[in-house]
PDB file of N, CA and C in Angstrom:
ATOM      1  N   MET A   1      14.237  32.749   5.590  1.00  0.00           N
ATOM      2  CA  MET A   1      14.787  34.059   5.850  1.00  0.00           C
ATOM      3  C   MET A   1      15.040  34.781   4.550  1.00  0.00           C
ATOM      4  N   THR A   2      14.776  36.057   4.527  1.00  0.00           N
ATOM      5  CA  THR A   2      14.953  36.819   3.295  1.00  0.00           C
ATOM      6  C   THR A   2      16.438  37.189   3.117  1.00  0.00           C
ATOM      7  N   ASP A   3      16.807  37.456   1.883  1.00  0.00           N
ATOM      8  CA  ASP A   3      18.181  37.925   1.591  1.00  0.00           C
ATOM      9  C   ASP A   3      18.259  39.400   1.853  1.00  0.00           C
ATOM     10  N   LEU A   4      19.059  39.763   2.828  1.00  0.00           N
ATOM     11  CA  LEU A   4      19.260  41.162   3.164  1.00  0.00           C
ATOM     12  C   LEU A   4      20.351  41.764   2.306  1.00  0.00           C
ATOM     13  N   PRO A   5      20.380  43.076   2.149  1.00  0.00           N
ATOM     14  CA  PRO A   5      21.460  43.724   1.405  1.00  0.00           C
ATOM     15  C   PRO A   5      22.841  43.438   1.987  1.00  0.00           C
ATOM     16  N   LEU A   6      22.882  43.195   3.284  1.00  0.00           N
ATOM     17  CA  LEU A   6      24.124  42.779   3.952  1.00  0.00           C
ATOM     18  C   LEU A   6      23.861  41.408   4.544  1.00  0.00           C
ATOM     19  N   PRO A   7      24.313  40.343   3.886  1.00  0.00           N
ATOM     20  CA  PRO A   7      23.943  38.987   4.293  1.00  0.00           C
ATOM     21  C   PRO A   7      24.278  38.669   5.748  1.00  0.00           C
ATOM     22  N   ASP A   8      25.358  39.213   6.303  1.00  0.00           N
ATOM     23  CA  ASP A   8      25.722  38.923   7.676  1.00  0.00           C
ATOM     24  C   ASP A   8      25.332  40.026   8.633  1.00  0.00           C
ATOM     25  N   PHE A   9      24.312  40.777   8.296  1.00  0.00           N
ATOM     26  CA  PHE A   9      23.868  41.955   9.050  1.00  0.00           C
ATOM     27  C   PHE A   9      23.671  41.686  10.531  1.00  0.00           C
ATOM     28  N   ASP A  10      23.014  40.580  10.868  1.00  0.00           N
ATOM     29  CA  ASP A  10      22.701  40.281  12.264  1.00  0.00           C
ATOM     30  C   ASP A  10      23.932  40.053  13.119  1.00  0.00           C
ATOM     31  N   GLN A  11      25.072  39.709  12.496  1.00  0.00           N
ATOM     32  CA  GLN A  11      26.270  39.431  13.254  1.00  0.00           C
ATOM     33  C   GLN A  11      27.248  40.597  13.231  1.00  0.00           C
ATOM     34  N   LEU A  12      26.948  41.696  12.534  1.00  0.00           N
ATOM     35  CA  LEU A  12      27.867  42.809  12.403  1.00  0.00           C
ATOM     36  C   LEU A  12      27.941  43.613  13.697  1.00  0.00           C
ATOM     37  N   ALA A  13      29.153  44.033  14.011  1.00  0.00           N
ATOM     38  CA  ALA A  13      29.371  44.930  15.155  1.00  0.00           C
ATOM     39  C   ALA A  13      28.886  46.341  14.758  1.00  0.00           C
ATOM     40  N   LEU A  14      28.635  47.187  15.710  1.00  0.00           N
ATOM     41  CA  LEU A  14      28.098  48.506  15.477  1.00  0.00           C
ATOM     42  C   LEU A  14      28.966  49.310  14.493  1.00  0.00           C
ATOM     43  N   GLY A  15      30.285  49.281  14.690  1.00  0.00           N
ATOM     44  CA  GLY A  15      31.169  50.015  13.795  1.00  0.00           C
ATOM     45  C   GLY A  15      31.114  49.515  12.377  1.00  0.00           C
ATOM     46  N   ASP A  16      30.971  48.174  12.200  1.00  0.00           N
ATOM     47  CA  ASP A  16      30.872  47.613  10.862  1.00  0.00           C
ATOM     48  C   ASP A  16      29.590  48.046  10.177  1.00  0.00           C
ATOM     49  N   VAL A  17      28.498  48.076  10.942  1.00  0.00           N
ATOM     50  CA  VAL A  17      27.203  48.518  10.373  1.00  0.00           C
ATOM     51  C   VAL A  17      27.360  49.961   9.895  1.00  0.00           C
ATOM     52  N   LEU A  18      27.960  50.813  10.696  1.00  0.00           N
ATOM     53  CA  LEU A  18      28.138  52.187  10.365  1.00  0.00           C
ATOM     54  C   LEU A  18      28.852  52.386   9.007  1.00  0.00           C
ATOM     55  N   HIS A  19      29.890  51.614   8.772  1.00  0.00           N
ATOM     56  CA  HIS A  19      30.679  51.780   7.556  1.00  0.00           C
ATOM     57  C   HIS A  19      30.026  51.086   6.373  1.00  0.00           C
ATOM     58  N   ARG A  20      29.429  49.941   6.567  1.00  0.00           N
ATOM     59  CA  ARG A  20      28.928  49.162   5.435  1.00  0.00           C
ATOM     60  C   ARG A  20      27.618  49.680   4.885  1.00  0.00           C
ATOM     61  N   ILE A  21      26.850  50.394   5.677  1.00  0.00           N
ATOM     62  CA  ILE A  21      25.540  50.906   5.165  1.00  0.00           C
ATOM     63  C   ILE A  21      25.730  52.120   4.261  1.00  0.00           C
ATOM     64  N   ARG A  22      26.888  52.697   4.219  1.00  0.00           N
ATOM     65  CA  ARG A  22      27.136  53.892   3.397  1.00  0.00           C
ATOM     66  C   ARG A  22      26.987  53.612   1.900  1.00  0.00           C
ATOM     67  N   ALA A  23      27.130  52.343   1.506  1.00  0.00           N
ATOM     68  CA  ALA A  23      27.014  51.987   0.101  1.00  0.00           C
ATOM     69  C   ALA A  23      25.573  51.651  -0.293  1.00  0.00           C
ATOM     70  N   LEU A  24      24.638  51.629   0.665  1.00  0.00           N
ATOM     71  CA  LEU A  24      23.279  51.242   0.380  1.00  0.00           C
ATOM     72  C   LEU A  24      22.429  52.382  -0.045  1.00  0.00           C
ATOM     73  N   ASP A  25      21.428  52.091  -0.918  1.00  0.00           N
ATOM     74  CA  ASP A  25      20.510  53.127  -1.290  1.00  0.00           C
ATOM     75  C   ASP A  25      19.304  53.127  -0.311  1.00  0.00           C
ATOM     76  N   ALA A  26      18.385  54.024  -0.500  1.00  0.00           N
ATOM     77  CA  ALA A  26      17.273  54.176   0.489  1.00  0.00           C
ATOM     78  C   ALA A  26      16.421  52.919   0.598  1.00  0.00           C
ATOM     79  N   SER A  27      16.160  52.247  -0.507  1.00  0.00           N
ATOM     80  CA  SER A  27      15.305  51.031  -0.410  1.00  0.00           C
ATOM     81  C   SER A  27      16.011  49.903   0.330  1.00  0.00           C
ATOM     82  N   GLN A  28      17.329  49.778   0.115  1.00  0.00           N
ATOM     83  CA  GLN A  28      18.089  48.727   0.836  1.00  0.00           C
ATOM     84  C   GLN A  28      18.183  49.070   2.336  1.00  0.00           C
ATOM     85  N   LEU A  29      18.364  50.328   2.611  1.00  0.00           N
ATOM     86  CA  LEU A  29      18.424  50.792   3.995  1.00  0.00           C
ATOM     87  C   LEU A  29      17.071  50.557   4.696  1.00  0.00           C
ATOM     88  N   GLN A  30      16.000  50.834   3.981  1.00  0.00           N
ATOM     89  CA  GLN A  30      14.638  50.613   4.526  1.00  0.00           C
ATOM     90  C   GLN A  30      14.433  49.136   4.835  1.00  0.00           C
ATOM     91  N   GLU A  31      14.964  48.273   3.975  1.00  0.00           N
ATOM     92  CA  GLU A  31      14.837  46.848   4.198  1.00  0.00           C
ATOM     93  C   GLU A  31      15.558  46.420   5.491  1.00  0.00           C
ATOM     94  N   LEU A  32      16.747  47.000   5.721  1.00  0.00           N
ATOM     95  CA  LEU A  32      17.460  46.709   6.951  1.00  0.00           C
ATOM     96  C   LEU A  32      16.725  47.256   8.176  1.00  0.00           C
ATOM     97  N   LEU A  33      16.151  48.450   8.049  1.00  0.00           N
ATOM     98  CA  LEU A  33      15.419  49.053   9.157  1.00  0.00           C
ATOM     99  C   LEU A  33      14.222  48.163   9.573  1.00  0.00           C
ATOM    100  N   VAL A  34      13.485  47.704   8.598  1.00  0.00           N
ATOM    101  CA  VAL A  34      12.310  46.830   8.872  1.00  0.00           C
ATOM    102  C   VAL A  34      12.803  45.526   9.525  1.00  0.00           C
ATOM    103  N   HIS A  35      13.853  44.952   8.994  1.00  0.00           N
ATOM    104  CA  HIS A  35      14.390  43.691   9.527  1.00  0.00           C
ATOM    105  C   HIS A  35      14.825  43.885  10.966  1.00  0.00           C
ATOM    106  N   GLU A  36      15.628  44.945  11.216  1.00  0.00           N
ATOM    107  CA  GLU A  36      16.165  45.140  12.584  1.00  0.00           C
ATOM    108  C   GLU A  36      15.027  45.418  13.556  1.00  0.00           C
ATOM    109  N   ALA A  37      14.029  46.253  13.170  1.00  0.00           N
ATOM    110  CA  ALA A  37      12.936  46.568  14.089  1.00  0.00           C
ATOM    111  C   ALA A  37      12.150  45.305  14.424  1.00  0.00           C
ATOM    112  N   GLY A  38      12.041  44.385  13.490  1.00  0.00           N
ATOM    113  CA  GLY A  38      11.267  43.163  13.711  1.00  0.00           C
ATOM    114  C   GLY A  38      12.021  42.031  14.338  1.00  0.00           C
ATOM    115  N   HIS A  39      13.330  42.165  14.453  1.00  0.00           N
ATOM    116  CA  HIS A  39      14.118  41.040  14.974  1.00  0.00           C
ATOM    117  C   HIS A  39      14.841  41.462  16.268  1.00  0.00           C
ATOM    118  N   ALA A  40      16.089  41.844  16.172  1.00  0.00           N
ATOM    119  CA  ALA A  40      16.879  42.134  17.379  1.00  0.00           C
ATOM    120  C   ALA A  40      16.491  43.492  18.001  1.00  0.00           C
ATOM    121  N   ALA A  41      16.089  44.434  17.190  1.00  0.00           N
ATOM    122  CA  ALA A  41      15.707  45.775  17.642  1.00  0.00           C
ATOM    123  C   ALA A  41      16.820  46.412  18.496  1.00  0.00           C
ATOM    124  N   ARG A  42      18.050  46.296  18.005  1.00  0.00           N
ATOM    125  CA  ARG A  42      19.205  46.922  18.686  1.00  0.00           C
ATOM    126  C   ARG A  42      19.104  48.436  18.533  1.00  0.00           C
ATOM    127  N   VAL A  43      18.888  49.142  19.630  1.00  0.00           N
ATOM    128  CA  VAL A  43      18.636  50.597  19.579  1.00  0.00           C
ATOM    129  C   VAL A  43      19.781  51.328  18.882  1.00  0.00           C
ATOM    130  N   PRO A  44      21.051  51.064  19.212  1.00  0.00           N
ATOM    131  CA  PRO A  44      22.129  51.813  18.531  1.00  0.00           C
ATOM    132  C   PRO A  44      22.123  51.564  17.006  1.00  0.00           C
ATOM    133  N   VAL A  45      21.823  50.337  16.619  1.00  0.00           N
ATOM    134  CA  VAL A  45      21.779  50.016  15.159  1.00  0.00           C
ATOM    135  C   VAL A  45      20.611  50.738  14.510  1.00  0.00           C
ATOM    136  N   LEU A  46      19.464  50.746  15.142  1.00  0.00           N
ATOM    137  CA  LEU A  46      18.317  51.484  14.600  1.00  0.00           C
ATOM    138  C   LEU A  46      18.630  52.964  14.464  1.00  0.00           C
ATOM    139  N   GLU A  47      19.319  53.530  15.460  1.00  0.00           N
ATOM    140  CA  GLU A  47      19.683  54.954  15.405  1.00  0.00           C
ATOM    141  C   GLU A  47      20.617  55.255  14.251  1.00  0.00           C
ATOM    142  N   ILE A  48      21.572  54.364  13.998  1.00  0.00           N
ATOM    143  CA  ILE A  48      22.514  54.542  12.885  1.00  0.00           C
ATOM    144  C   ILE A  48      21.771  54.448  11.569  1.00  0.00           C
ATOM    145  N   LEU A  49      20.906  53.455  11.439  1.00  0.00           N
ATOM    146  CA  LEU A  49      20.143  53.290  10.199  1.00  0.00           C
ATOM    147  C   LEU A  49      19.231  54.506   9.937  1.00  0.00           C
ATOM    148  N   GLU A  50      18.575  54.968  10.964  1.00  0.00           N
ATOM    149  CA  GLU A  50      17.697  56.133  10.797  1.00  0.00           C
ATOM    150  C   GLU A  50      18.480  57.391  10.462  1.00  0.00           C
ATOM    151  N   ALA A  51      19.627  57.571  11.079  1.00  0.00           N
ATOM    152  CA  ALA A  51      20.473  58.721  10.770  1.00  0.00           C
ATOM    153  C   ALA A  51      20.929  58.699   9.320  1.00  0.00           C
ATOM    154  N   ARG A  52      21.338  57.513   8.837  1.00  0.00           N
ATOM    155  CA  ARG A  52      21.754  57.395   7.444  1.00  0.00           C
ATOM    156  C   ARG A  52      20.588  57.654   6.500  1.00  0.00           C
ATOM    157  N   MET A  53      19.391  57.202   6.875  1.00  0.00           N
ATOM    158  CA  MET A  53      18.200  57.440   6.033  1.00  0.00           C
ATOM    159  C   MET A  53      17.957  58.956   5.945  1.00  0.00           C
ATOM    160  N   ARG A  54      18.108  59.679   7.060  1.00  0.00           N
ATOM    161  CA  ARG A  54      17.953  61.126   7.005  1.00  0.00           C
ATOM    162  C   ARG A  54      18.986  61.778   6.100  1.00  0.00           C
ATOM    163  N   GLU A  55      20.208  61.257   6.135  1.00  0.00           N
ATOM    164  CA  GLU A  55      21.258  61.777   5.243  1.00  0.00           C
ATOM    165  C   GLU A  55      20.863  61.584   3.792  1.00  0.00           C
ATOM    166  N   LEU A  56      20.381  60.401   3.458  1.00  0.00           N
ATOM    167  CA  LEU A  56      19.970  60.106   2.075  1.00  0.00           C
ATOM    168  C   LEU A  56      18.793  61.002   1.680  1.00  0.00           C
ATOM    169  N   ASP A  57      17.853  61.198   2.614  1.00  0.00           N
ATOM    170  CA  ASP A  57      16.708  62.069   2.319  1.00  0.00           C
ATOM    171  C   ASP A  57      17.136  63.513   2.089  1.00  0.00           C
ATOM    172  N   ALA A  58      18.238  63.893   2.725  1.00  0.00           N
ATOM    173  CA  ALA A  58      18.745  65.271   2.571  1.00  0.00           C
ATOM    174  C   ALA A  58      19.627  65.445   1.339  1.00  0.00           C
ATOM    175  N   GLY A  59      19.808  64.374   0.548  1.00  0.00           N
ATOM    176  CA  GLY A  59      20.555  64.472  -0.691  1.00  0.00           C
ATOM    177  C   GLY A  59      21.857  63.741  -0.734  1.00  0.00           C
ATOM    178  N   ALA A  60      22.255  63.059   0.309  1.00  0.00           N
ATOM    179  CA  ALA A  60      23.501  62.308   0.302  1.00  0.00           C
ATOM    180  C   ALA A  60      23.371  61.158  -0.706  1.00  0.00           C
ATOM    181  N   GLU A  61      24.499  60.787  -1.282  1.00  0.00           N
ATOM    182  CA  GLU A  61      24.523  59.693  -2.261  1.00  0.00           C
ATOM    183  C   GLU A  61      25.227  58.492  -1.656  1.00  0.00           C
ATOM    184  N   PRO A  62      24.764  57.273  -1.988  1.00  0.00           N
ATOM    185  CA  PRO A  62      25.497  56.071  -1.520  1.00  0.00           C
ATOM    186  C   PRO A  62      26.913  56.085  -2.053  1.00  0.00           C
ATOM    187  N   SER A  63      27.848  55.609  -1.249  1.00  0.00           N
ATOM    188  CA  SER A  63      29.237  55.525  -1.689  1.00  0.00           C
ATOM    189  C   SER A  63      29.352  54.381  -2.676  1.00  0.00           C
ATOM    190  N   GLY A  64      30.429  54.365  -3.423  1.00  0.00           N
ATOM    191  CA  GLY A  64      30.627  53.269  -4.362  1.00  0.00           C
ATOM    192  C   GLY A  64      31.059  52.013  -3.659  1.00  0.00           C
ATOM    193  N   GLY A  65      31.023  50.918  -4.404  1.00  0.00           N
ATOM    194  CA  GLY A  65      31.470  49.654  -3.865  1.00  0.00           C
ATOM    195  C   GLY A  65      30.318  48.767  -3.408  1.00  0.00           C
ATOM    196  N   ASP A  66      30.639  47.535  -3.190  1.00  0.00           N
ATOM    197  CA  ASP A  66      29.669  46.557  -2.757  1.00  0.00           C
ATOM    198  C   ASP A  66      29.897  46.257  -1.288  1.00  0.00           C
ATOM    199  N   PRO A  67      28.944  46.592  -0.387  1.00  0.00           N
ATOM    200  CA  PRO A  67      29.136  46.363   1.045  1.00  0.00           C
ATOM    201  C   PRO A  67      29.289  44.913   1.423  1.00  0.00           C
ATOM    202  N   ARG A  68      28.903  44.004   0.548  1.00  0.00           N
ATOM    203  CA  ARG A  68      29.051  42.567   0.833  1.00  0.00           C
ATOM    204  C   ARG A  68      30.495  42.128   0.653  1.00  0.00           C
ATOM    205  N   ASN A  69      31.326  42.954   0.031  1.00  0.00           N
ATOM    206  CA  ASN A  69      32.714  42.591  -0.229  1.00  0.00           C
ATOM    207  C   ASN A  69      33.678  43.215   0.800  1.00  0.00           C
ATOM    208  N   ALA A  70      33.190  43.557   1.953  1.00  0.00           N
ATOM    209  CA  ALA A  70      34.068  44.127   2.993  1.00  0.00           C
ATOM    210  C   ALA A  70      35.126  43.115   3.383  1.00  0.00           C
ATOM    211  N   PRO A  71      36.320  43.580   3.592  1.00  0.00           N
ATOM    212  CA  PRO A  71      37.399  42.650   3.930  1.00  0.00           C
ATOM    213  C   PRO A  71      37.163  41.993   5.276  1.00  0.00           C
ATOM    214  N   GLY A  72      37.526  40.765   5.395  1.00  0.00           N
ATOM    215  CA  GLY A  72      37.396  40.046   6.664  1.00  0.00           C
ATOM    216  C   GLY A  72      38.709  40.082   7.423  1.00  0.00           C
ATOM    217  N   ILE A  73      38.643  39.600   8.616  1.00  0.00           N
ATOM    218  CA  ILE A  73      39.850  39.540   9.466  1.00  0.00           C
ATOM    219  C   ILE A  73      40.513  38.193   9.193  1.00  0.00           C
ATOM    220  N   GLU A  74      41.779  38.267   8.837  1.00  0.00           N
ATOM    221  CA  GLU A  74      42.502  37.036   8.564  1.00  0.00           C
ATOM    222  C   GLU A  74      43.381  36.698   9.736  1.00  0.00           C
ATOM    223  N   PRO A  75      43.522  35.413  10.078  1.00  0.00           N
ATOM    224  CA  PRO A  75      44.359  35.045  11.209  1.00  0.00           C
ATOM    225  C   PRO A  75      45.836  35.344  10.891  1.00  0.00           C
ATOM    226  N   THR A  76      46.598  35.563  11.949  1.00  0.00           N
ATOM    227  CA  THR A  76      48.005  35.779  11.780  1.00  0.00           C
ATOM    228  C   THR A  76      48.683  34.488  11.406  1.00  0.00           C
ATOM    229  N   PRO A  77      49.458  34.446  10.310  1.00  0.00           N
ATOM    230  CA  PRO A  77      50.075  33.197   9.935  1.00  0.00           C
ATOM    231  C   PRO A  77      51.177  32.804  10.926  1.00  0.00           C
ATOM    232  N   GLY A  78      51.210  31.572  11.321  1.00  0.00           N
ATOM    233  CA  GLY A  78      52.275  31.099  12.180  1.00  0.00           C
ATOM    234  C   GLY A  78      52.045  31.295  13.665  1.00  0.00           C
ATOM    235  N   GLY A  79      50.975  31.968  14.050  1.00  0.00           N
ATOM    236  CA  GLY A  79      50.685  32.175  15.453  1.00  0.00           C
ATOM    237  C   GLY A  79      51.563  33.223  16.088  1.00  0.00           C
ATOM    238  N   SER A  80      51.601  33.205  17.403  1.00  0.00           N
ATOM    239  CA  SER A  80      52.336  34.230  18.159  1.00  0.00           C
ATOM    240  C   SER A  80      53.814  33.869  18.222  1.00  0.00           C
ATOM    241  N   PRO A  81      54.703  34.883  18.077  1.00  0.00           N
ATOM    242  CA  PRO A  81      56.147  34.612  18.195  1.00  0.00           C
ATOM    243  C   PRO A  81      56.605  34.490  19.629  1.00  0.00           C
ATOM    244  N   VAL A  82      55.732  34.744  20.596  1.00  0.00           N
ATOM    245  CA  VAL A  82      56.111  34.697  22.015  1.00  0.00           C
ATOM    246  C   VAL A  82      56.221  33.233  22.460  1.00  0.00           C
ATOM    247  N   GLN A  83      57.322  32.939  23.148  1.00  0.00           N
ATOM    248  CA  GLN A  83      57.524  31.612  23.686  1.00  0.00           C
ATOM    249  C   GLN A  83      57.788  31.750  25.174  1.00  0.00           C
ATOM    250  N   GLN A  84      57.723  30.651  25.895  1.00  0.00           N
ATOM    251  CA  GLN A  84      57.962  30.707  27.345  1.00  0.00           C
ATOM    252  C   GLN A  84      59.327  31.297  27.644  1.00  0.00           C
ATOM    253  N   SER A  85      60.314  30.991  26.831  1.00  0.00           N
ATOM    254  CA  SER A  85      61.685  31.456  27.092  1.00  0.00           C
ATOM    255  C   SER A  85      61.829  32.955  26.792  1.00  0.00           C
ATOM    256  N   THR A  86      60.955  33.532  25.954  1.00  0.00           N
ATOM    257  CA  THR A  86      61.045  34.964  25.639  1.00  0.00           C
ATOM    258  C   THR A  86      59.985  35.812  26.298  1.00  0.00           C
ATOM    259  N   ALA A  87      59.087  35.193  27.033  1.00  0.00           N
ATOM    260  CA  ALA A  87      58.015  35.953  27.672  1.00  0.00           C
ATOM    261  C   ALA A  87      58.536  36.726  28.853  1.00  0.00           C
ATOM    262  N   ALA A  88      57.899  37.823  29.168  1.00  0.00           N
ATOM    263  CA  ALA A  88      58.279  38.653  30.312  1.00  0.00           C
ATOM    264  C   ALA A  88      58.025  37.876  31.605  1.00  0.00           C
ATOM    265  N   GLN A  89      58.808  38.174  32.626  1.00  0.00           N
ATOM    266  CA  GLN A  89      58.612  37.526  33.909  1.00  0.00           C
ATOM    267  C   GLN A  89      57.332  38.029  34.546  1.00  0.00           C
ATOM    268  N   ALA A  90      56.610  37.143  35.152  1.00  0.00           N
ATOM    269  CA  ALA A  90      55.368  37.514  35.847  1.00  0.00           C
ATOM    270  C   ALA A  90      55.749  38.217  37.144  1.00  0.00           C
ATOM    271  N   ASN A  91      55.090  39.322  37.400  1.00  0.00           N
ATOM    272  CA  ASN A  91      55.285  39.999  38.681  1.00  0.00           C
ATOM    273  C   ASN A  91      53.998  40.755  38.998  1.00  0.00           C
ATOM    274  N   THR A  92      53.911  41.159  40.234  1.00  0.00           N
ATOM    275  CA  THR A  92      52.724  41.875  40.685  1.00  0.00           C
ATOM    276  C   THR A  92      53.054  43.336  40.780  1.00  0.00           C
ATOM    277  N   PRO A  93      52.428  44.198  40.024  1.00  0.00           N
ATOM    278  CA  PRO A  93      52.739  45.627  40.109  1.00  0.00           C
ATOM    279  C   PRO A  93      52.218  46.173  41.449  1.00  0.00           C
ATOM    280  N   LEU A  94      52.828  47.274  41.889  1.00  0.00           N
ATOM    281  CA  LEU A  94      52.393  47.917  43.109  1.00  0.00           C
ATOM    282  C   LEU A  94      50.972  48.445  42.900  1.00  0.00           C
ATOM    283  N   ARG A  95      50.165  48.299  43.912  1.00  0.00           N
ATOM    284  CA  ARG A  95      48.795  48.825  43.885  1.00  0.00           C
ATOM    285  C   ARG A  95      48.763  50.083  44.715  1.00  0.00           C
ATOM    286  N   HIS A  96      48.540  51.203  44.090  1.00  0.00           N
ATOM    287  CA  HIS A  96      48.532  52.470  44.781  1.00  0.00           C
ATOM    288  C   HIS A  96      47.102  52.865  45.216  1.00  0.00           C
ATOM    289  N   GLY A  97      46.995  53.360  46.404  1.00  0.00           N
ATOM    290  CA  GLY A  97      45.727  53.870  46.868  1.00  0.00           C
ATOM    291  C   GLY A  97      44.806  52.834  47.430  1.00  0.00           C
ATOM    292  N   VAL A  98      45.257  51.603  47.650  1.00  0.00           N
ATOM    293  CA  VAL A  98      44.413  50.587  48.222  1.00  0.00           C
ATOM    294  C   VAL A  98      45.033  50.182  49.561  1.00  0.00           C
ATOM    295  N   ALA A  99      44.484  50.742  50.634  1.00  0.00           N
ATOM    296  CA  ALA A  99      45.051  50.545  51.962  1.00  0.00           C
ATOM    297  C   ALA A  99      44.991  49.066  52.357  1.00  0.00           C
ATOM    298  N   GLY A 100      46.127  48.607  52.876  1.00  0.00           N
ATOM    299  CA  GLY A 100      46.191  47.244  53.405  1.00  0.00           C
ATOM    300  C   GLY A 100      46.339  46.175  52.325  1.00  0.00           C
ATOM    301  N   GLN A 101      46.408  46.578  51.066  1.00  0.00           N
ATOM    302  CA  GLN A 101      46.506  45.553  50.027  1.00  0.00           C
ATOM    303  C   GLN A 101      47.828  45.669  49.247  1.00  0.00           C
ATOM    304  N   THR A 102      48.604  46.724  49.506  1.00  0.00           N
ATOM    305  CA  THR A 102      49.874  46.875  48.818  1.00  0.00           C
ATOM    306  C   THR A 102      50.859  45.927  49.484  1.00  0.00           C
ATOM    307  N   GLN A 103      51.570  45.162  48.641  1.00  0.00           N
ATOM    308  CA  GLN A 103      52.536  44.240  49.184  1.00  0.00           C
ATOM    309  C   GLN A 103      53.672  45.018  49.827  1.00  0.00           C
ATOM    310  N   LYS A 104      54.202  44.428  50.912  1.00  0.00           N
ATOM    311  CA  LYS A 104      55.358  45.031  51.569  1.00  0.00           C
ATOM    312  C   LYS A 104      56.596  44.500  50.902  1.00  0.00           C
ATOM    313  N   ARG A 105      57.116  45.243  49.987  1.00  0.00           N
ATOM    314  CA  ARG A 105      58.257  44.781  49.205  1.00  0.00           C
ATOM    315  C   ARG A 105      59.547  45.144  49.930  1.00  0.00           C
ATOM    316  N   GLY A 106      60.101  44.143  50.595  1.00  0.00           N
ATOM    317  CA  GLY A 106      61.353  44.352  51.278  1.00  0.00           C
ATOM    318  C   GLY A 106      61.261  45.151  52.570  1.00  0.00           C
ATOM    319  N   LEU A 107      60.075  45.474  53.016  1.00  0.00           N
ATOM    320  CA  LEU A 107      59.898  46.245  54.266  1.00  0.00           C
ATOM    321  C   LEU A 107      59.546  45.289  55.375  1.00  0.00           C
ATOM    322  N   PRO A 108      59.990  45.616  56.597  1.00  0.00           N
ATOM    323  CA  PRO A 108      59.672  44.717  57.739  1.00  0.00           C
ATOM    324  C   PRO A 108      58.200  44.750  58.094  1.00  0.00           C
TER     325      PRO A 108
END
């Protein structure tokens, strides 16, 4: 496998692709376009890449920074503070507009 300008490109969500390609130049963007067209061919990703290529062709400049250094999601230290003793009581909310399925709460 070739080294892409964004090493984890195939696993990126659409929003991440949108933000991380802004730092790429036209040749790097073209490399991603060729890769995507030949592999997953995700239409929304291809559309984003093509739109960014048009922006660069119209004179836009790549933003600064290295797109490979995008911050990752870090787990919350210590886990959730919710415990069984502090959790909300389970209940069934009223269902409006569904005939015959609303519970009779206290009605005969």
